Amino acid sequence: MLIDALLKNYKRPYLYLNGEDEDTHQLLAQRTVSNYTRVLNGNDLLVIDEAQGIPDIGKKLKLMVDSIKGLKILATGSSAFDILNISGEPLTGRSNTVYLYPLWQGELKENAIQIKQNLDDRLVFGSYPELWHLTSSDEKKRYLSDLVNSYLLKDILILDGLRNASIVFSLLKMVAYQIGKEVSYNELGTALGISKNTVEKYLNLLTKVFVLYKVSAYSNNLRKEISKSQRWYFIDNGIRNAIIGDFEPMALRREDDKGMLWENYLFMERLKRNTYKKSNPDYYFWRTYDQQEVDLVEIRNKKIQTFEFKYSSKKRPKQPIAFKKAYPDASFEVINDKTYLDFIL
């Protein structure tokens, strides 16, 4: 457990509380400085695991931080929606947020040969840490399916008071077949029998529980550029495949599905890389109404880098003419099975 590893190296006394324990709720129920000073008993580090389980946790943390000099607080939660909605706003300017994604390739002690050998497994089963303790495909399938049906279901059921997860699961299945494509809220809403606004709301909420990641269209308002579309990636390939119930090996998949898994994997590995290296560009895709497109546009300090994702190195697309004319200083690179390691590491 990450918290255990951090605390093992902490040399001073600390107080650890579990937000799912009723005794913790009672300890923190009286929202006064005197009560919290008494509870802390001189400890200058307070660790609260599953902090979202504590009523009014945001207000309580704010009071402690504002009133008890020298106090440091480490609060964790399994649901980003709860943490953002309950504790985020009251702690604005007083907190740092750390996002933990599934394992990044750069965190694994693998040489180039091992990385290549394990690629298909990552594309199909994803990168959740627990998978490294499982040896068979059946065990991995079972773990991911359980994760979707229990933990993920739990988070979905608390989304804005939502009580019927079936629509959200249906929405996720539809998005799973549209990776790398613009998502139409109108089309999804019509198919599900809900409004386009509800579709957008659910998709945005699903980003807060680390299921999806949204990328918007890039445009400088040139006449043919699409400017108001979005694409959605899954935080992890394994979750995507568990949602649609398809763990077939890459060799048996349709070409379009291989392309979607490849693009999803590359985008997320790039996102993890940039996040952990503290080099966070803005992410976009680019497309015109006459179907010229670029899969990924990264903008950092006004510098534009563009990337096209191709599962096979046999395909060598060129930078779209319209993009090259509009943004002549932008770089262009094709990311395929021969070039992807430099891109993700």
Protein backbone atom coordinates (compact mmCIF):
# COMPACT_ATOMS: atom_id res chain seq x y z
CA MET A 1 0.00 0.00 0.00
CA LEU A 2 1.39 3.40 -0.98
CA ILE A 3 0.52 5.07 2.31
CA ASP A 4 2.32 2.33 4.26
CA ALA A 5 5.43 2.85 2.14
CA LEU A 6 5.35 6.61 2.69
CA LEU A 7 4.81 6.33 6.44
CA LYS A 8 7.57 3.75 6.79
CA ASN A 9 10.08 6.46 5.90
CA TYR A 10 8.43 9.18 7.98
CA LYS A 11 10.57 9.75 11.08
CA ARG A 12 8.16 11.77 13.23
CA PRO A 13 4.97 10.75 15.10
CA TYR A 14 1.76 10.85 13.10
CA LEU A 15 -1.94 10.10 13.51
CA TYR A 16 -3.57 7.65 11.10
CA LEU A 17 -7.37 7.57 10.71
CA ASN A 18 -9.61 5.49 8.47
CA GLY A 19 -12.53 7.41 6.97
CA GLU A 20 -14.67 4.26 6.79
CA ASP A 21 -14.40 3.70 10.57
CA GLU A 22 -17.29 5.04 12.67
CA ASP A 23 -14.88 5.79 15.52
CA THR A 24 -13.11 8.22 13.18
CA HIS A 25 -16.44 9.90 12.40
CA GLN A 26 -17.08 10.38 16.10
CA LEU A 27 -13.57 11.69 16.77
CA LEU A 28 -13.97 14.38 14.12
CA ALA A 29 -17.69 15.06 14.58
CA GLN A 30 -17.21 18.10 16.85
CA ARG A 31 -15.88 20.69 14.43
CA THR A 32 -13.84 22.82 16.82
CA VAL A 33 -10.18 23.73 17.03
CA SER A 34 -9.98 22.52 20.63
CA ASN A 35 -11.35 19.09 19.70
CA TYR A 36 -8.97 18.64 16.77
CA THR A 37 -5.99 19.84 18.84
CA ARG A 38 -6.91 17.23 21.45
CA VAL A 39 -7.32 14.48 18.83
CA LEU A 40 -3.96 15.28 17.21
CA ASN A 41 -2.20 15.20 20.58
CA GLY A 42 0.88 17.01 19.31
CA ASN A 43 1.25 15.07 16.04
CA ASP A 44 2.09 17.35 13.12
CA LEU A 45 1.02 14.85 10.43
CA LEU A 46 -2.54 13.60 10.06
CA VAL A 47 -3.20 10.78 7.60
CA ILE A 48 -6.82 10.07 6.62
CA ASP A 49 -7.46 7.13 4.30
CA GLU A 50 -10.82 6.97 2.46
CA ALA A 51 -11.41 10.57 3.52
CA GLN A 52 -14.56 10.89 1.43
CA GLY A 53 -16.38 8.67 3.93
CA ILE A 54 -16.30 11.38 6.62
CA PRO A 55 -19.25 13.81 6.69
CA ASP A 56 -18.27 17.43 5.88
CA ILE A 57 -14.64 16.38 5.50
CA GLY A 58 -13.80 19.47 3.45
CA LYS A 59 -14.89 21.90 6.14
CA LYS A 60 -13.12 19.87 8.82
CA LEU A 61 -9.85 19.75 6.92
CA LYS A 62 -10.07 23.48 6.19
CA LEU A 63 -10.52 24.30 9.87
CA MET A 64 -7.53 22.16 10.85
CA VAL A 65 -5.25 23.58 8.15
CA ASP A 66 -6.25 27.18 8.89
CA SER A 67 -6.12 26.92 12.68
CA ILE A 68 -3.43 24.43 13.73
CA LYS A 69 0.03 25.76 12.95
CA GLY A 70 2.48 23.39 11.29
CA LEU A 71 -0.07 20.66 10.65
CA LYS A 72 0.30 18.61 7.48
CA ILE A 73 -2.56 16.41 6.22
CA LEU A 74 -2.44 13.51 3.78
CA ALA A 75 -5.99 12.62 2.69
CA THR A 76 -6.70 9.84 0.22
CA GLY A 77 -9.88 8.63 -1.41
CA SER A 78 -10.95 5.92 -3.81
CA SER A 79 -13.43 8.16 -5.58
CA ALA A 80 -12.13 11.31 -7.24
CA PHE A 81 -15.71 12.52 -7.53
CA ASP A 82 -16.14 12.49 -3.74
CA ILE A 83 -12.79 14.12 -3.07
CA LEU A 84 -13.33 16.89 -5.65
CA ASN A 85 -16.93 17.54 -4.73
CA ILE A 86 -16.65 17.30 -0.95
CA SER A 87 -13.17 18.50 -0.10
CA GLY A 88 -11.81 20.24 -3.20
CA GLU A 89 -13.33 23.71 -3.14
CA PRO A 90 -12.92 24.48 0.59
CA LEU A 91 -9.19 23.69 0.34
CA THR A 92 -8.47 25.79 -2.75
CA GLY A 93 -5.00 27.28 -2.36
CA ARG A 94 -4.25 25.13 0.67
CA SER A 95 -3.75 21.74 -0.93
CA ASN A 96 -1.85 19.77 -3.53
CA THR A 97 -3.60 17.01 -5.44
CA VAL A 98 -1.74 13.92 -6.64
CA TYR A 99 -3.38 11.70 -9.28
CA LEU A 100 -2.36 8.05 -9.37
CA TYR A 101 -2.94 6.36 -12.71
CA PRO A 102 -2.53 2.67 -13.50
CA LEU A 103 1.13 1.75 -13.81
CA TRP A 104 3.16 3.66 -16.39
CA GLN A 105 5.63 1.72 -18.52
CA GLY A 106 8.40 3.95 -17.18
CA GLU A 107 7.76 2.65 -13.65
CA LEU A 108 8.40 -0.97 -14.66
CA LYS A 109 11.86 -2.50 -14.55
CA GLU A 110 11.72 -4.03 -18.02
CA ASN A 111 14.28 -3.92 -20.78
CA ALA A 112 13.33 -3.11 -24.38
CA ILE A 113 12.84 -6.78 -25.27
CA GLN A 114 10.54 -7.41 -22.31
CA ILE A 115 8.53 -4.30 -23.10
CA LYS A 116 7.93 -5.52 -26.65
CA GLN A 117 7.08 -9.03 -25.46
CA ASN A 118 4.52 -7.72 -22.98
CA LEU A 119 2.94 -5.14 -25.28
CA ASP A 120 -0.03 -7.25 -26.40
CA ASP A 121 -0.82 -8.08 -22.78
CA ARG A 122 -0.88 -4.36 -21.88
CA LEU A 123 -3.09 -3.55 -24.85
CA VAL A 124 -5.67 -6.17 -23.83
CA PHE A 125 -5.49 -6.29 -20.02
CA GLY A 126 -4.20 -2.82 -19.21
CA SER A 127 -1.90 -1.74 -16.39
CA TYR A 128 -3.67 -2.00 -13.03
CA PRO A 129 -1.02 -2.99 -10.42
CA GLU A 130 -2.88 -6.08 -9.21
CA LEU A 131 -2.41 -7.71 -12.62
CA TRP A 132 1.31 -8.18 -11.89
CA HIS A 133 0.35 -10.70 -9.20
CA LEU A 134 -1.77 -12.74 -11.61
CA THR A 135 -0.27 -15.27 -13.98
CA SER A 136 -3.09 -16.56 -16.17
CA SER A 137 -5.38 -14.79 -18.63
CA ASP A 138 -8.43 -16.18 -16.82
CA GLU A 139 -7.30 -14.63 -13.53
CA LYS A 140 -6.78 -11.27 -15.23
CA LYS A 141 -10.18 -11.41 -16.91
CA ARG A 142 -11.84 -12.25 -13.60
CA TYR A 143 -10.05 -9.45 -11.75
CA LEU A 144 -10.95 -6.78 -14.31
CA SER A 145 -14.56 -7.94 -14.56
CA ASP A 146 -14.87 -7.85 -10.77
CA LEU A 147 -13.28 -4.40 -10.71
CA VAL A 148 -15.84 -3.08 -13.19
CA ASN A 149 -18.81 -4.73 -11.49
CA SER A 150 -17.93 -3.87 -7.90
CA TYR A 151 -15.55 -0.97 -7.38
CA LEU A 152 -16.43 0.87 -10.58
CA LEU A 153 -20.13 0.22 -10.08
CA LYS A 154 -19.86 1.68 -6.57
CA ASP A 155 -18.36 4.90 -7.91
CA ILE A 156 -20.89 5.17 -10.72
CA LEU A 157 -23.82 4.74 -8.33
CA ILE A 158 -22.76 7.79 -6.32
CA LEU A 159 -22.43 10.04 -9.33
CA ASP A 160 -24.61 13.03 -8.54
CA GLY A 161 -27.14 10.82 -6.76
CA LEU A 162 -27.49 8.44 -9.72
CA ARG A 163 -29.29 5.24 -8.74
CA ASN A 164 -29.55 3.39 -12.04
CA ALA A 165 -26.15 2.40 -13.38
CA SER A 166 -27.45 0.55 -16.42
CA ILE A 167 -27.65 3.68 -18.58
CA VAL A 168 -24.13 4.69 -17.65
CA PHE A 169 -22.80 1.23 -18.49
CA SER A 170 -24.60 1.36 -21.83
CA LEU A 171 -23.07 4.78 -22.44
CA LEU A 172 -19.60 3.46 -21.64
CA LYS A 173 -20.07 0.54 -24.02
CA MET A 174 -20.98 2.92 -26.83
CA VAL A 175 -18.00 5.16 -26.12
CA ALA A 176 -15.75 2.07 -26.02
CA TYR A 177 -16.39 1.55 -29.71
CA GLN A 178 -15.65 5.19 -30.56
CA ILE A 179 -12.10 5.62 -29.28
CA GLY A 180 -10.28 8.08 -31.52
CA LYS A 181 -13.54 9.35 -32.99
CA GLU A 182 -15.69 12.36 -32.19
CA VAL A 183 -18.54 11.56 -29.88
CA SER A 184 -21.97 12.96 -30.74
CA TYR A 185 -24.01 13.72 -27.63
CA ASN A 186 -27.15 13.83 -29.74
CA GLU A 187 -26.58 10.38 -31.24
CA LEU A 188 -25.72 8.82 -27.89
CA GLY A 189 -28.69 10.45 -26.20
CA THR A 190 -31.11 9.26 -28.89
CA ALA A 191 -29.80 5.69 -28.64
CA LEU A 192 -30.08 5.70 -24.83
CA GLY A 193 -33.33 7.64 -24.55
CA ILE A 194 -31.80 10.52 -22.60
CA SER A 195 -31.02 14.14 -23.46
CA LYS A 196 -27.72 15.27 -24.95
CA ASN A 197 -27.15 17.38 -21.83
CA THR A 198 -27.49 14.27 -19.66
CA VAL A 199 -25.02 12.43 -21.88
CA GLU A 200 -22.49 15.23 -21.52
CA LYS A 201 -23.08 15.37 -17.77
CA TYR A 202 -22.50 11.63 -17.34
CA LEU A 203 -19.37 11.66 -19.49
CA ASN A 204 -17.91 14.55 -17.52
CA LEU A 205 -18.72 12.83 -14.24
CA LEU A 206 -17.04 9.65 -15.47
CA THR A 207 -13.81 11.60 -15.88
CA LYS A 208 -13.95 12.38 -12.16
CA VAL A 209 -13.95 8.73 -11.16
CA PHE A 210 -11.02 7.98 -13.48
CA VAL A 211 -12.87 5.97 -16.08
CA LEU A 212 -12.62 8.39 -19.02
CA TYR A 213 -10.41 11.25 -20.17
CA LYS A 214 -11.70 14.01 -22.48
CA VAL A 215 -9.75 15.58 -25.34
CA SER A 216 -11.19 18.57 -27.18
CA ALA A 217 -10.70 19.74 -30.75
CA TYR A 218 -7.95 22.24 -31.52
CA SER A 219 -8.86 25.24 -33.61
CA ASN A 220 -7.79 28.79 -34.32
CA ASN A 221 -11.17 29.35 -35.96
CA LEU A 222 -9.97 28.57 -39.45
CA ARG A 223 -12.89 28.09 -41.81
CA LYS A 224 -12.74 24.29 -42.16
CA GLU A 225 -11.59 23.37 -38.65
CA ILE A 226 -13.91 21.52 -36.31
CA SER A 227 -13.86 23.36 -33.00
CA LYS A 228 -16.58 22.01 -30.71
CA SER A 229 -16.10 18.24 -30.72
CA GLN A 230 -14.62 15.90 -28.10
CA ARG A 231 -12.96 12.52 -28.07
CA TRP A 232 -12.93 10.27 -25.04
CA TYR A 233 -10.23 7.84 -23.97
CA PHE A 234 -10.43 5.19 -21.26
CA ILE A 235 -7.98 5.61 -18.39
CA ASP A 236 -7.05 1.95 -18.85
CA ASN A 237 -7.36 -0.51 -21.74
CA GLY A 238 -8.29 -3.35 -19.39
CA ILE A 239 -11.29 -1.43 -18.06
CA ARG A 240 -12.41 -0.68 -21.61
CA ASN A 241 -12.22 -4.35 -22.58
CA ALA A 242 -13.95 -5.48 -19.38
CA ILE A 243 -16.85 -3.10 -20.08
CA ILE A 244 -17.44 -4.62 -23.52
CA GLY A 245 -16.56 -8.14 -22.33
CA ASP A 246 -13.83 -8.69 -24.92
CA PHE A 247 -10.41 -10.00 -23.91
CA GLU A 248 -9.51 -11.60 -27.22
CA PRO A 249 -5.76 -11.46 -28.01
CA MET A 250 -4.64 -8.79 -30.44
CA ALA A 251 -4.04 -11.31 -33.23
CA LEU A 252 -7.75 -12.23 -33.26
CA ARG A 253 -9.17 -8.71 -33.19
CA ARG A 254 -10.57 -6.65 -36.04
CA GLU A 255 -8.20 -4.09 -37.52
CA ASP A 256 -10.31 -1.14 -36.35
CA ASP A 257 -10.37 -2.51 -32.79
CA LYS A 258 -6.60 -2.97 -32.80
CA GLY A 259 -6.29 0.66 -33.85
CA MET A 260 -8.56 1.85 -31.04
CA LEU A 261 -6.66 -0.11 -28.38
CA TRP A 262 -3.35 1.13 -29.75
CA GLU A 263 -4.44 4.77 -29.74
CA ASN A 264 -5.94 4.51 -26.25
CA TYR A 265 -2.79 2.85 -24.88
CA LEU A 266 -0.44 5.40 -26.47
CA PHE A 267 -2.45 8.40 -25.33
CA MET A 268 -2.67 7.21 -21.72
CA GLU A 269 1.00 6.21 -21.53
CA ARG A 270 1.92 9.64 -22.90
CA LEU A 271 -0.35 11.32 -20.36
CA LYS A 272 1.24 9.35 -17.49
CA ARG A 273 4.72 10.14 -18.79
CA ASN A 274 4.07 13.86 -19.02
CA THR A 275 2.30 13.97 -15.65
CA TYR A 276 5.07 12.18 -13.75
CA LYS A 277 7.80 14.18 -15.49
CA LYS A 278 5.87 17.37 -14.62
CA SER A 279 5.75 18.33 -18.26
CA ASN A 280 2.05 18.89 -18.76
CA PRO A 281 1.03 20.15 -22.19
CA ASP A 282 -2.52 20.86 -23.32
CA TYR A 283 -3.95 17.93 -25.30
CA TYR A 284 -6.13 18.22 -28.40
CA PHE A 285 -7.01 16.44 -31.59
CA TRP A 286 -7.46 18.25 -34.92
CA ARG A 287 -9.86 17.64 -37.78
CA THR A 288 -11.43 19.51 -40.67
CA TYR A 289 -14.87 19.09 -42.16
CA ASP A 290 -13.29 17.46 -45.21
CA GLN A 291 -11.81 14.70 -42.98
CA GLN A 292 -8.19 15.78 -42.67
CA GLU A 293 -7.11 14.96 -39.12
CA VAL A 294 -4.32 14.64 -36.56
CA ASP A 295 -4.72 12.20 -33.68
CA LEU A 296 -2.91 14.18 -31.00
CA VAL A 297 -1.86 17.81 -30.73
CA GLU A 298 0.30 18.77 -27.76
CA ILE A 299 0.85 22.44 -26.97
CA ARG A 300 3.44 23.48 -24.42
CA ASN A 301 4.74 27.06 -24.16
CA LYS A 302 3.12 27.84 -27.53
CA LYS A 303 5.12 25.05 -29.18
CA ILE A 304 2.97 22.63 -31.17
CA GLN A 305 3.81 18.95 -31.51
CA THR A 306 1.54 16.62 -33.48
CA PHE A 307 1.34 12.84 -33.57
CA GLU A 308 -0.41 10.26 -35.71
CA PHE A 309 -1.00 6.79 -34.22
CA LYS A 310 -0.68 3.71 -36.43
CA TYR A 311 -0.66 0.17 -35.05
CA SER A 312 1.43 -1.08 -37.97
CA SER A 313 4.68 0.49 -39.12
CA LYS A 314 3.73 -0.45 -42.68
CA LYS A 315 1.43 2.59 -42.82
CA ARG A 316 3.28 5.91 -43.13
CA PRO A 317 0.81 8.81 -43.20
CA LYS A 318 1.97 12.36 -43.81
CA GLN A 319 1.05 15.53 -42.00
CA PRO A 320 -2.25 16.85 -43.41
CA ILE A 321 -1.69 19.61 -45.95
CA ALA A 322 -4.24 21.93 -44.33
CA PHE A 323 -2.61 21.60 -40.92
CA LYS A 324 0.87 22.15 -42.34
CA LYS A 325 -0.29 25.35 -44.05
CA ALA A 326 -2.10 26.64 -40.98
CA TYR A 327 0.66 25.71 -38.49
CA PRO A 328 3.95 25.57 -40.40
CA ASP A 329 6.12 25.48 -37.28
CA ALA A 330 4.39 22.40 -35.81
CA SER A 331 6.34 19.15 -35.70
CA PHE A 332 4.80 15.88 -36.94
CA GLU A 333 5.60 12.31 -35.94
CA VAL A 334 4.05 8.92 -36.68
CA ILE A 335 3.91 6.65 -33.63
CA ASN A 336 3.86 2.97 -34.53
CA ASP A 337 5.18 -0.33 -33.21
CA LYS A 338 8.72 0.69 -34.17
CA THR A 339 8.77 4.19 -32.68
CA TYR A 340 6.45 4.14 -29.67
CA LEU A 341 9.01 3.58 -26.88
CA ASP A 342 10.54 7.04 -27.22
CA PHE A 343 7.03 8.50 -27.27
CA ILE A 344 5.86 6.86 -24.03
CA LEU A 345 9.14 6.92 -22.08
